[in-house]
């Protein structure tokens, strides 16, 4: 049975469109070609996808480096550190680490464990 040229052209077109969609999905899933986005003092340094609607982002704002957990419903501050290229301010009242209660802030691993669902 011989395939008509119209059917052959249509199947070739569908194959090319499928390859294009697969390539776009791969680029989006892997973050290939995603550059650091900047806007004034705010820079998104790196983003790691944890699922369809969840990801971690490292954001530099002024002299602070923030680790943000982002989901479909909320954004949570997981860690907050002074940037390596700036002098560290001690006893700063505008720090996002919370009140000075004498206890050190929780580590990133402890914050991440508390946010992940229990299995």
Protein backbone atom coordinates (compact mmCIF):
# COMPACT_ATOMS: atom_id res chain seq x y z
CA UNK A 1 0.00 0.00 0.00
CA UNK A 2 1.42 3.32 -1.09
CA UNK A 3 1.15 6.47 1.08
CA UNK A 4 -0.03 9.60 -0.70
CA UNK A 5 2.28 12.64 -0.68
CA UNK A 6 -0.29 14.65 1.29
CA UNK A 7 -0.38 12.09 4.13
CA UNK A 8 3.42 11.86 4.12
CA UNK A 9 3.76 15.65 4.36
CA UNK A 10 1.19 15.81 7.18
CA UNK A 11 3.00 13.10 9.19
CA UNK A 12 6.32 14.88 8.67
CA UNK A 13 4.76 18.12 9.89
CA UNK A 14 3.40 16.40 13.03
CA UNK A 15 6.82 14.85 13.69
CA UNK A 16 8.58 18.23 13.47
CA UNK A 17 5.99 19.90 15.74
CA UNK A 18 6.40 17.06 18.25
CA UNK A 19 10.18 17.48 18.26
CA UNK A 20 9.78 21.23 18.77
CA UNK A 21 7.45 20.75 21.74
CA UNK A 22 9.77 18.14 23.27
CA UNK A 23 12.74 20.49 22.91
CA UNK A 24 10.85 23.39 24.50
CA UNK A 25 9.74 21.18 27.39
CA UNK A 26 13.35 20.01 27.95
CA UNK A 27 14.67 23.58 27.95
CA UNK A 28 12.02 24.67 30.43
CA UNK A 29 12.48 21.66 32.71
CA UNK A 30 16.28 21.92 32.83
CA UNK A 31 16.46 25.70 32.91
CA UNK A 32 18.93 25.68 30.03
CA UNK A 33 19.76 29.18 28.91
CA UNK A 34 18.17 30.89 31.91
CA UNK A 35 20.34 33.85 32.81
CA UNK A 36 20.49 35.76 36.05
CA UNK A 37 17.66 38.28 36.10
CA UNK A 38 18.45 41.64 37.63
CA UNK A 39 16.45 44.72 38.49
CA UNK A 40 18.28 47.39 40.48
CA UNK A 41 19.36 45.91 43.83
CA UNK A 42 17.38 42.70 43.28
CA UNK A 43 18.99 39.70 41.55
CA UNK A 44 17.65 36.17 41.14
CA UNK A 45 20.91 34.24 41.33
CA UNK A 46 19.67 30.67 40.91
CA UNK A 47 16.41 28.72 40.81
CA UNK A 48 15.94 25.01 41.45
CA UNK A 49 12.65 23.37 40.47
CA UNK A 50 11.36 20.95 43.11
CA UNK A 51 8.15 20.05 41.30
CA UNK A 52 5.50 21.46 39.02
CA UNK A 53 4.63 24.42 41.28
CA UNK A 54 7.46 24.39 43.83
CA UNK A 55 10.97 25.75 43.56
CA UNK A 56 13.82 27.21 45.57
CA UNK A 57 15.33 30.55 44.58
CA UNK A 58 18.50 32.26 45.74
CA UNK A 59 17.92 36.01 45.63
CA UNK A 60 20.43 38.76 46.34
CA UNK A 61 18.89 41.97 47.66
CA UNK A 62 21.33 44.72 48.54
CA UNK A 63 23.93 43.15 50.83
CA UNK A 64 21.76 40.12 51.75
CA UNK A 65 21.44 36.71 50.13
CA UNK A 66 18.01 35.12 50.64
CA UNK A 67 16.91 31.54 50.07
CA UNK A 68 13.20 31.50 49.23
CA UNK A 69 10.90 28.49 49.07
CA UNK A 70 8.19 29.25 46.53
CA UNK A 71 4.96 27.30 46.05
CA UNK A 72 1.69 28.02 44.32
CA UNK A 73 0.21 29.55 47.47
CA UNK A 74 3.08 31.22 49.34
CA UNK A 75 6.70 32.33 49.47
CA UNK A 76 8.72 31.37 52.56
CA UNK A 77 12.07 32.77 53.68
CA UNK A 78 14.24 29.71 54.37
CA UNK A 79 17.62 31.36 54.96
CA UNK A 80 19.04 34.87 55.15
CA UNK A 81 22.75 35.61 55.11
CA UNK A 82 25.03 38.55 54.53
CA UNK A 83 26.60 38.41 51.08
CA UNK A 84 30.22 37.32 50.88
CA UNK A 85 31.33 40.47 49.11
CA UNK A 86 30.02 42.87 51.75
CA UNK A 87 31.03 43.42 55.37
CA UNK A 88 28.81 41.62 57.86
CA UNK A 89 26.66 43.87 60.04
CA UNK A 90 26.38 42.79 63.64
CA UNK A 91 23.29 43.41 65.81
CA UNK A 92 21.41 44.98 62.92
CA UNK A 93 17.77 45.71 63.73
CA UNK A 94 16.70 45.58 60.09
CA UNK A 95 18.00 42.03 59.70
CA UNK A 96 15.43 39.46 58.58
CA UNK A 97 16.75 36.75 60.93
CA UNK A 98 14.09 37.57 63.50
CA UNK A 99 14.30 38.81 67.06
CA UNK A 100 17.55 38.47 68.96
CA UNK A 101 16.45 35.78 71.39
CA UNK A 102 19.93 34.47 72.12
CA UNK A 103 19.28 31.38 69.98
CA UNK A 104 21.07 30.95 66.66
CA UNK A 105 18.82 30.87 63.60
CA UNK A 106 17.83 27.43 62.31
CA UNK A 107 20.02 26.00 59.58
CA UNK A 108 18.83 25.59 56.02
CA UNK A 109 18.57 21.81 56.46
CA UNK A 110 16.35 22.21 59.54
CA UNK A 111 14.09 24.70 57.73
CA UNK A 112 13.82 22.44 54.69
CA UNK A 113 12.98 19.37 56.82
CA UNK A 114 10.24 21.27 58.62
CA UNK A 115 8.69 22.36 55.32
CA UNK A 116 8.79 19.00 53.52
CA UNK A 117 5.80 16.67 54.06
CA UNK A 118 6.36 13.75 56.43
CA UNK A 119 6.40 10.29 54.85
